[in-house]
């Protein structure tokens, strides 16, 4: 699965890890994350991410 990088702070979303603190289970593809999810580091929305 593709990793995605926040263009603001550089956080890498790794689908193998997910984002447990935000309720995103490991194995969740970036495309399947809820639209209201935000970067856990800087708070921007999904539109500010690009493939890593």
C-alpha atoms as a PDB file:
ATOM      1  CA  UNK A   1       0.000   0.000   0.000  1.00  0.00           C
ATOM      2  CA  UNK A   2       1.116   3.538  -0.833  1.00  0.00           C
ATOM      3  CA  UNK A   3       2.428   5.865   1.890  1.00  0.00           C
ATOM      4  CA  UNK A   4       1.397   9.535   1.829  1.00  0.00           C
ATOM      5  CA  UNK A   5       3.312  12.589   3.066  1.00  0.00           C
ATOM      6  CA  UNK A   6       1.869  15.769   4.562  1.00  0.00           C
ATOM      7  CA  UNK A   7       3.135  18.652   2.426  1.00  0.00           C
ATOM      8  CA  UNK A   8       2.965  21.008   5.411  1.00  0.00           C
ATOM      9  CA  UNK A   9       4.857  19.170   8.168  1.00  0.00           C
ATOM     10  CA  UNK A  10       6.302  16.069   6.486  1.00  0.00           C
ATOM     11  CA  UNK A  11       4.314  13.502   8.507  1.00  0.00           C
ATOM     12  CA  UNK A  12       4.180  10.168   6.668  1.00  0.00           C
ATOM     13  CA  UNK A  13       0.935   8.207   6.788  1.00  0.00           C
ATOM     14  CA  UNK A  14       1.887   4.529   6.580  1.00  0.00           C
ATOM     15  CA  UNK A  15      -1.150   2.325   5.885  1.00  0.00           C
ATOM     16  CA  UNK A  16       0.564  -0.652   7.517  1.00  0.00           C
ATOM     17  CA  UNK A  17       0.641   1.315  10.796  1.00  0.00           C
ATOM     18  CA  UNK A  18      -2.556   3.375  10.447  1.00  0.00           C
ATOM     19  CA  UNK A  19      -3.272   6.169  12.932  1.00  0.00           C
ATOM     20  CA  UNK A  20      -4.556   4.422  16.043  1.00  0.00           C
ATOM     21  CA  UNK A  21      -4.874   7.670  18.035  1.00  0.00           C
ATOM     22  CA  UNK A  22      -7.324   8.974  15.411  1.00  0.00           C
ATOM     23  CA  UNK A  23      -9.224   5.709  15.044  1.00  0.00           C
ATOM     24  CA  UNK A  24      -7.633   4.580  11.775  1.00  0.00           C
ATOM     25  CA  UNK A  25      -6.787   0.878  12.009  1.00  0.00           C
ATOM     26  CA  UNK A  26      -3.575  -0.625  10.650  1.00  0.00           C
ATOM     27  CA  UNK A  27      -4.078  -1.825   7.085  1.00  0.00           C
ATOM     28  CA  UNK A  28      -6.277   1.161   6.125  1.00  0.00           C
ATOM     29  CA  UNK A  29      -5.396   2.583   2.710  1.00  0.00           C
ATOM     30  CA  UNK A  30      -5.122   6.381   2.569  1.00  0.00           C
ATOM     31  CA  UNK A  31      -8.095   6.501   0.198  1.00  0.00           C
ATOM     32  CA  UNK A  32     -10.222   4.709   2.814  1.00  0.00           C
ATOM     33  CA  UNK A  33      -9.501   7.132   5.668  1.00  0.00           C
ATOM     34  CA  UNK A  34     -12.618   9.180   6.562  1.00  0.00           C
ATOM     35  CA  UNK A  35     -12.762  12.583   4.843  1.00  0.00           C
ATOM     36  CA  UNK A  36     -12.794  14.414   8.197  1.00  0.00           C
ATOM     37  CA  UNK A  37      -9.426  12.903   9.228  1.00  0.00           C
ATOM     38  CA  UNK A  38      -6.629  15.435   9.737  1.00  0.00           C
ATOM     39  CA  UNK A  39      -2.859  15.179   9.998  1.00  0.00           C
ATOM     40  CA  UNK A  40      -2.091  14.075  13.567  1.00  0.00           C
ATOM     41  CA  UNK A  41       0.923  16.410  13.703  1.00  0.00           C
ATOM     42  CA  UNK A  42      -0.219  19.716  12.171  1.00  0.00           C
ATOM     43  CA  UNK A  43      -3.998  19.326  11.697  1.00  0.00           C
ATOM     44  CA  UNK A  44      -4.356  19.925   7.947  1.00  0.00           C
ATOM     45  CA  UNK A  45      -6.874  17.878   5.966  1.00  0.00           C
ATOM     46  CA  UNK A  46      -6.295  15.017   3.533  1.00  0.00           C
ATOM     47  CA  UNK A  47      -6.034  17.356   0.530  1.00  0.00           C
ATOM     48  CA  UNK A  48      -2.602  18.470   1.782  1.00  0.00           C
ATOM     49  CA  UNK A  49      -1.099  14.970   1.400  1.00  0.00           C
ATOM     50  CA  UNK A  50       0.780  13.582  -1.589  1.00  0.00           C
ATOM     51  CA  UNK A  51       2.163  10.136  -2.403  1.00  0.00           C
ATOM     52  CA  UNK A  52       5.448   9.557  -0.592  1.00  0.00           C
END
